[in-house]
Amino acid sequence: MLTRTSALAVLLVVLWGLASARPAAAEQKFEVTADVVYGHKAGMALTFDVIQPTEKRKDVGVLFMVSGGWVSMWFPPEAVVKQSAGPFGFFSALVDEGYTLFLVRHGSSPYFKVPDAVADVRRAVRYIRLHADEFQVDPNRLGVCGGSAGGHLSLMLGTTSDEGNANADDEIDRQSNRVAAVVAYFPPTKLDEFFHLTPNFPALDFDHALADSVSPLTHVTADDAPTLLVHGDKDELVPLSNSERIHDAFGAQNVKSELIVVKGAAHGFQGADNDRATQAMIAWFNEHLAQGESK
C-alpha cells in the first residue's frame, strides 16, 4: 500500500520530470494566463491557470483538477503543457485538440480537508462560467478531468452540481457549477472506505458524518454528466471496485458512462497504457462536448 509520503514523492517526480526532462512538442502553440484568482480563504488566494490554443480553438473548456491525495501543488504551467509525452501528456493533447484548459488548484491538504476541496472546485466552475466570455468558452460546454483525488473531485462536480443561489450576495455564487462531461482516472468514490488511511492522507481527517456528502457514489442521479472512468485492475491504493460500482450506478440511472479497465496497471498509467487513457479522454470530450467553431 502506498503511503502519503511515497504517493506525493511520485507526484513530485512526475510533475518536475515533465517540466525539465521531456522534449517539447515542436508545433505546440498556446497562450498562458497564470494564477487567475477565483476566491480567497484563510488569507490565501485560490487560483487556476488558463491554457488557450492560438490556432483551431474550440469554444470549449476543460478543467483539470490539480490534486493528488487532495494535495494541490503548483508547477510552471508553460513547462508542463509543452510536454507531448509522459503521464501528463494529455495536457498538450487537449490543447492540440483545440480545448481551452483550466488547471484548477484547491485549498490543499494538510491544512484543508476533502469537504474544503470540494467547495473550492465548485467555486472554480462558477467563476469560469461567470467569466466565460473573457475566456472565450461556452459556459454550457465545460468538461472536467483528474486522477485519483482529482478524479474524485471531477466526479463530485459531475454528480452534485447545482444551479447556484439566485439570492446570493456574491455574483459567483449565483452561477451554476454544472459540467457537461467528466473523465476520472482511478477515483475514490466512497470516502468512508478510506478513513483508515487518514494518518497518511490528512485531508481525510474530517467529520465522518460528512462522508456521504463528499462521496460521488451516493449522489448518482439521472441528470449527471456523461462520465468516462479509466482504472487499473492492479490498483491497491484505490481498488477497481470504486469505478465499477459508480459505473453500475450510472447505468441504473441511464447516465451515459464507460469504464475502461487497464489490465495490469496500478495507481497510475505509463507508456502505452497512458497513451490509451489519453486517447479515450480526447474521444470522450470530442463526443460529449459538442464541437465548436475553430477560431
Protein backbone atom coordinates (compact mmCIF):
# COMPACT_ATOMS: atom_id res chain seq x y z
CA MET A 1 0.00 0.00 0.00
CA LEU A 2 1.35 3.44 -0.90
CA THR A 3 1.93 5.85 1.96
CA ARG A 4 1.19 9.55 1.70
CA THR A 5 4.95 10.24 1.52
CA SER A 6 5.56 7.82 -1.34
CA ALA A 7 2.45 8.97 -3.23
CA LEU A 8 3.49 12.62 -3.02
CA ALA A 9 7.05 11.73 -3.99
CA VAL A 10 5.76 10.07 -7.13
CA LEU A 11 3.63 13.13 -7.91
CA LEU A 12 6.62 15.45 -7.48
CA VAL A 13 8.84 13.32 -9.70
CA VAL A 14 6.19 13.17 -12.41
CA LEU A 15 5.45 16.90 -12.44
CA TRP A 16 9.02 18.16 -12.24
CA GLY A 17 10.30 15.44 -14.56
CA LEU A 18 7.84 16.61 -17.16
CA ALA A 19 8.84 20.20 -16.63
CA SER A 20 12.55 19.56 -17.14
CA ALA A 21 13.28 16.33 -18.98
CA ARG A 22 10.72 15.71 -21.70
CA PRO A 23 11.10 17.08 -25.23
CA ALA A 24 8.68 19.87 -26.12
CA ALA A 25 6.13 19.38 -28.85
CA ALA A 26 7.60 21.06 -31.95
CA GLU A 27 4.45 22.81 -33.11
CA GLN A 28 2.74 23.49 -29.80
CA LYS A 29 1.05 26.89 -29.92
CA PHE A 30 -0.76 28.25 -26.90
CA GLU A 31 -1.10 31.23 -24.58
CA VAL A 32 -0.94 31.02 -20.79
CA THR A 33 -2.74 33.17 -18.26
CA ALA A 34 -1.31 32.12 -14.91
CA ASP A 35 -2.68 32.44 -11.39
CA VAL A 36 -6.21 33.66 -12.04
CA VAL A 37 -7.74 34.25 -8.59
CA TYR A 38 -11.18 32.69 -8.24
CA GLY A 39 -11.55 33.10 -4.47
CA HIS A 40 -9.86 33.55 -1.12
CA LYS A 41 -9.79 31.52 2.08
CA ALA A 42 -7.72 31.68 5.28
CA GLY A 43 -5.97 34.75 3.89
CA MET A 44 -4.81 32.91 0.77
CA ALA A 45 -5.79 33.06 -2.89
CA LEU A 46 -7.43 30.19 -4.77
CA THR A 47 -6.08 30.12 -8.31
CA PHE A 48 -6.16 28.41 -11.67
CA ASP A 49 -4.06 28.70 -14.82
CA VAL A 50 -5.61 29.10 -18.29
CA ILE A 51 -4.00 27.47 -21.34
CA GLN A 52 -5.56 28.62 -24.61
CA PRO A 53 -4.72 27.33 -28.09
CA THR A 54 -3.79 30.06 -30.54
CA GLU A 55 -4.94 28.03 -33.53
CA LYS A 56 -8.03 25.91 -34.26
CA ARG A 57 -9.52 26.83 -30.88
CA LYS A 58 -12.90 25.44 -29.94
CA ASP A 59 -15.12 27.47 -27.63
CA VAL A 60 -14.97 24.60 -25.14
CA GLY A 61 -13.21 24.43 -21.78
CA VAL A 62 -11.79 21.50 -19.81
CA LEU A 63 -10.96 21.87 -16.12
CA PHE A 64 -8.15 19.69 -14.78
CA MET A 65 -8.25 19.10 -11.03
CA VAL A 66 -4.69 19.61 -9.76
CA SER A 67 -4.92 17.16 -6.87
CA GLY A 68 -3.10 14.09 -5.60
CA GLY A 69 -4.13 12.91 -2.15
CA TRP A 70 -6.09 16.21 -2.08
CA VAL A 71 -2.72 17.98 -2.11
CA SER A 72 -2.90 20.71 -4.75
CA MET A 73 0.59 21.62 -5.88
CA TRP A 74 1.92 24.46 -8.01
CA PHE A 75 4.02 23.81 -11.11
CA PRO A 76 5.00 26.01 -14.07
CA PRO A 77 2.08 25.69 -16.49
CA GLU A 78 4.10 26.59 -19.60
CA ALA A 79 6.69 23.92 -18.97
CA VAL A 80 4.22 21.13 -18.29
CA VAL A 81 1.85 21.88 -21.16
CA LYS A 82 4.76 21.81 -23.61
CA GLN A 83 5.35 18.14 -22.85
CA SER A 84 3.97 15.85 -25.53
CA ALA A 85 4.77 12.60 -23.70
CA GLY A 86 4.57 11.12 -20.22
CA PRO A 87 1.77 10.77 -17.66
CA PHE A 88 0.60 14.35 -18.20
CA GLY A 89 0.97 14.38 -21.98
CA PHE A 90 -2.79 14.77 -22.17
CA PHE A 91 -2.33 18.47 -21.31
CA SER A 92 -0.75 19.14 -24.68
CA ALA A 93 -3.14 16.66 -26.35
CA LEU A 94 -6.17 18.61 -25.12
CA VAL A 95 -4.67 21.93 -26.23
CA ASP A 96 -3.69 20.47 -29.61
CA GLU A 97 -7.31 19.33 -29.98
CA GLY A 98 -8.44 22.95 -29.55
CA TYR A 99 -9.65 22.87 -25.94
CA THR A 100 -9.02 25.70 -23.51
CA LEU A 101 -7.50 24.08 -20.42
CA PHE A 102 -8.01 25.31 -16.87
CA LEU A 103 -5.57 23.95 -14.26
CA VAL A 104 -7.59 24.31 -11.05
CA ARG A 105 -5.96 24.30 -7.63
CA HIS A 106 -7.92 23.96 -4.40
CA GLY A 107 -7.12 24.62 -0.75
CA SER A 108 -4.50 21.96 -0.12
CA SER A 109 -4.02 19.21 2.43
CA PRO A 110 -2.88 19.01 5.20
CA TYR A 111 -4.43 22.35 6.23
CA PHE A 112 -7.64 21.87 4.26
CA LYS A 113 -9.75 18.72 4.12
CA VAL A 114 -11.80 16.92 1.46
CA PRO A 115 -15.02 18.95 2.00
CA ASP A 116 -12.98 22.14 1.60
CA ALA A 117 -11.54 20.92 -1.69
CA VAL A 118 -15.00 20.03 -2.99
CA ALA A 119 -16.31 23.50 -2.14
CA ASP A 120 -13.31 25.13 -3.84
CA VAL A 121 -13.63 23.34 -7.17
CA ARG A 122 -17.36 24.06 -7.24
CA ARG A 123 -16.50 27.74 -6.90
CA ALA A 124 -13.92 27.45 -9.68
CA VAL A 125 -16.61 26.20 -12.09
CA ARG A 126 -18.94 29.04 -11.07
CA TYR A 127 -16.16 31.59 -11.62
CA ILE A 128 -15.27 30.22 -15.05
CA ARG A 129 -18.94 30.20 -16.08
CA LEU A 130 -19.36 33.83 -14.94
CA HIS A 131 -16.27 34.85 -16.95
CA ALA A 132 -16.86 32.53 -19.91
CA ASP A 133 -16.84 35.41 -22.43
CA GLU A 134 -13.47 36.56 -21.13
CA PHE A 135 -12.04 33.05 -21.55
CA GLN A 136 -13.80 32.61 -24.91
CA VAL A 137 -15.57 29.40 -23.89
CA ASP A 138 -19.21 28.34 -23.98
CA PRO A 139 -20.43 28.30 -20.34
CA ASN A 140 -22.58 25.26 -21.14
CA ARG A 141 -19.70 23.24 -22.60
CA LEU A 142 -17.30 22.75 -19.73
CA GLY A 143 -15.69 19.39 -19.08
CA VAL A 144 -13.69 18.23 -16.06
CA CYS A 145 -10.98 15.63 -15.56
CA GLY A 146 -8.50 14.39 -12.99
CA GLY A 147 -6.81 11.36 -11.48
CA SER A 148 -7.11 9.81 -8.01
CA ALA A 149 -8.19 12.67 -5.69
CA GLY A 150 -8.58 14.78 -8.84
CA GLY A 151 -10.84 12.07 -10.25
CA HIS A 152 -12.88 12.13 -7.05
CA LEU A 153 -13.31 15.91 -7.33
CA SER A 154 -14.25 15.56 -11.01
CA LEU A 155 -16.96 13.05 -10.10
CA MET A 156 -18.24 15.31 -7.33
CA LEU A 157 -18.76 18.04 -9.93
CA GLY A 158 -20.46 15.58 -12.26
CA THR A 159 -22.85 14.19 -9.62
CA THR A 160 -23.59 17.02 -7.17
CA SER A 161 -23.80 20.17 -9.27
CA ASP A 162 -26.48 22.82 -8.76
CA GLU A 163 -27.85 25.90 -10.49
CA GLY A 164 -26.40 28.36 -7.97
CA ASN A 165 -28.14 30.57 -5.42
CA ALA A 166 -30.02 33.36 -7.18
CA ASN A 167 -30.23 35.30 -3.92
CA ALA A 168 -26.53 35.14 -3.06
CA ASP A 169 -24.69 38.40 -2.44
CA ASP A 170 -21.62 37.10 -4.28
CA GLU A 171 -22.31 37.03 -8.02
CA ILE A 172 -20.07 33.97 -8.35
CA ASP A 173 -22.38 32.00 -6.06
CA ARG A 174 -25.32 32.84 -8.33
CA GLN A 175 -23.77 30.78 -11.13
CA SER A 176 -24.35 27.10 -11.86
CA ASN A 177 -21.46 24.72 -11.22
CA ARG A 178 -22.71 22.11 -13.68
CA VAL A 179 -20.28 20.44 -16.07
CA ALA A 180 -21.14 18.78 -19.37
CA ALA A 181 -18.72 15.83 -19.30
CA VAL A 182 -16.39 14.07 -16.85
CA VAL A 183 -13.26 11.93 -17.22
CA ALA A 184 -11.98 10.34 -13.98
CA TYR A 185 -8.87 8.18 -13.64
CA PHE A 186 -8.77 5.70 -10.69
CA PRO A 187 -11.08 7.81 -8.47
CA PRO A 188 -12.12 7.12 -4.86
CA THR A 189 -15.91 7.07 -4.91
CA LYS A 190 -16.95 6.09 -1.34
CA LEU A 191 -14.89 8.10 1.14
CA ASP A 192 -15.73 6.18 4.33
CA GLU A 193 -13.79 3.25 2.88
CA PHE A 194 -10.60 5.32 3.01
CA PHE A 195 -10.72 6.73 6.54
CA HIS A 196 -8.20 4.10 7.68
CA LEU A 197 -5.66 5.94 5.50
CA THR A 198 -6.11 9.23 7.39
CA PRO A 199 -2.63 9.10 9.02
CA ASN A 200 -1.10 9.08 5.53
CA PHE A 201 -3.68 11.38 3.92
CA PRO A 202 -4.60 14.22 6.34
CA ALA A 203 -7.33 15.52 4.02
CA LEU A 204 -9.41 12.57 5.22
CA ASP A 205 -9.33 13.88 8.79
CA PHE A 206 -12.81 15.40 8.76
CA ASP A 207 -16.12 14.65 10.46
CA HIS A 208 -17.02 11.10 9.45
CA ALA A 209 -20.69 12.10 9.39
CA LEU A 210 -19.89 14.11 6.25
CA ALA A 211 -18.51 11.11 4.33
CA ASP A 212 -21.60 10.54 2.19
CA SER A 213 -21.83 14.23 1.33
CA VAL A 214 -18.44 14.04 -0.42
CA SER A 215 -18.82 10.53 -1.87
CA PRO A 216 -19.86 10.60 -5.54
CA LEU A 217 -21.23 7.05 -5.34
CA THR A 218 -24.01 8.24 -3.02
CA HIS A 219 -25.12 11.07 -5.32
CA VAL A 220 -25.71 9.42 -8.70
CA THR A 221 -28.91 10.66 -10.34
CA ALA A 222 -30.34 10.67 -13.83
CA ASP A 223 -29.20 14.23 -14.61
CA ASP A 224 -25.49 13.54 -14.02
CA ALA A 225 -22.88 14.39 -16.65
CA PRO A 226 -21.68 11.71 -19.11
CA THR A 227 -18.71 10.08 -17.40
CA LEU A 228 -15.68 8.11 -18.57
CA LEU A 229 -13.84 6.07 -15.93
CA VAL A 230 -10.35 4.63 -16.50
CA HIS A 231 -8.91 2.34 -13.83
CA GLY A 232 -6.15 -0.26 -13.49
CA ASP A 233 -7.09 -3.73 -12.25
CA LYS A 234 -3.95 -3.90 -10.06
CA ASP A 235 -4.60 -0.66 -8.19
CA GLU A 236 -4.01 -1.33 -4.48
CA LEU A 237 -4.46 2.24 -3.27
CA VAL A 238 -7.86 2.86 -4.89
CA PRO A 239 -9.31 -0.54 -5.85
CA LEU A 240 -11.01 -1.00 -9.20
CA SER A 241 -14.32 -1.61 -7.39
CA ASN A 242 -14.57 2.16 -6.86
CA SER A 243 -15.04 2.72 -10.59
CA GLU A 244 -17.02 -0.47 -11.14
CA ARG A 245 -19.69 0.44 -8.59
CA ILE A 246 -20.22 4.01 -9.75
CA HIS A 247 -20.27 2.81 -13.37
CA ASP A 248 -23.05 0.39 -12.40
CA ALA A 249 -24.87 3.19 -10.55
CA PHE A 250 -24.70 5.41 -13.64
CA GLY A 251 -26.11 2.57 -15.72
CA ALA A 252 -29.01 2.09 -13.31
CA GLN A 253 -29.89 5.78 -13.76
CA ASN A 254 -29.41 5.68 -17.55
CA VAL A 255 -26.47 8.09 -17.34
CA LYS A 256 -24.06 7.73 -20.23
CA SER A 257 -20.94 6.07 -18.77
CA GLU A 258 -18.00 3.98 -19.92
CA LEU A 259 -15.45 2.07 -17.84
CA ILE A 260 -12.08 1.21 -19.34
CA VAL A 261 -10.15 -1.34 -17.27
CA VAL A 262 -6.41 -1.19 -17.88
CA LYS A 263 -5.04 -4.69 -17.39
CA GLY A 264 -2.00 -4.90 -15.14
CA ALA A 265 -2.00 -1.20 -14.26
CA ALA A 266 -1.59 0.01 -10.69
CA HIS A 267 -2.33 3.51 -9.35
CA GLY A 268 -1.22 5.44 -12.42
CA PHE A 269 -0.58 4.72 -16.09
CA GLN A 270 2.64 4.54 -18.07
CA GLY A 271 3.68 4.09 -21.67
CA ALA A 272 1.04 2.55 -23.90
CA ASP A 273 -1.48 2.46 -21.04
CA ASN A 274 -1.14 6.21 -20.60
CA ASP A 275 -1.47 6.78 -24.34
CA ARG A 276 -4.65 4.70 -24.39
CA ALA A 277 -6.11 6.67 -21.49
CA THR A 278 -5.29 9.96 -23.21
CA GLN A 279 -6.89 8.87 -26.48
CA ALA A 280 -10.00 7.76 -24.60
CA MET A 281 -10.20 11.13 -22.81
CA ILE A 282 -9.92 13.07 -26.06
CA ALA A 283 -12.55 10.89 -27.71
CA TRP A 284 -14.92 11.31 -24.75
CA PHE A 285 -14.66 15.07 -24.73
CA ASN A 286 -14.97 15.21 -28.51
CA GLU A 287 -18.18 13.23 -28.27
CA HIS A 288 -19.80 14.92 -25.29
CA LEU A 289 -18.53 18.48 -25.54
CA ALA A 290 -20.04 19.24 -28.95
CA GLN A 291 -17.59 20.58 -31.49
CA GLY A 292 -17.33 24.35 -31.69
CA GLU A 293 -16.20 26.67 -34.43
CA SER A 294 -12.42 26.93 -34.74
CA LYS A 295 -11.10 30.43 -34.15
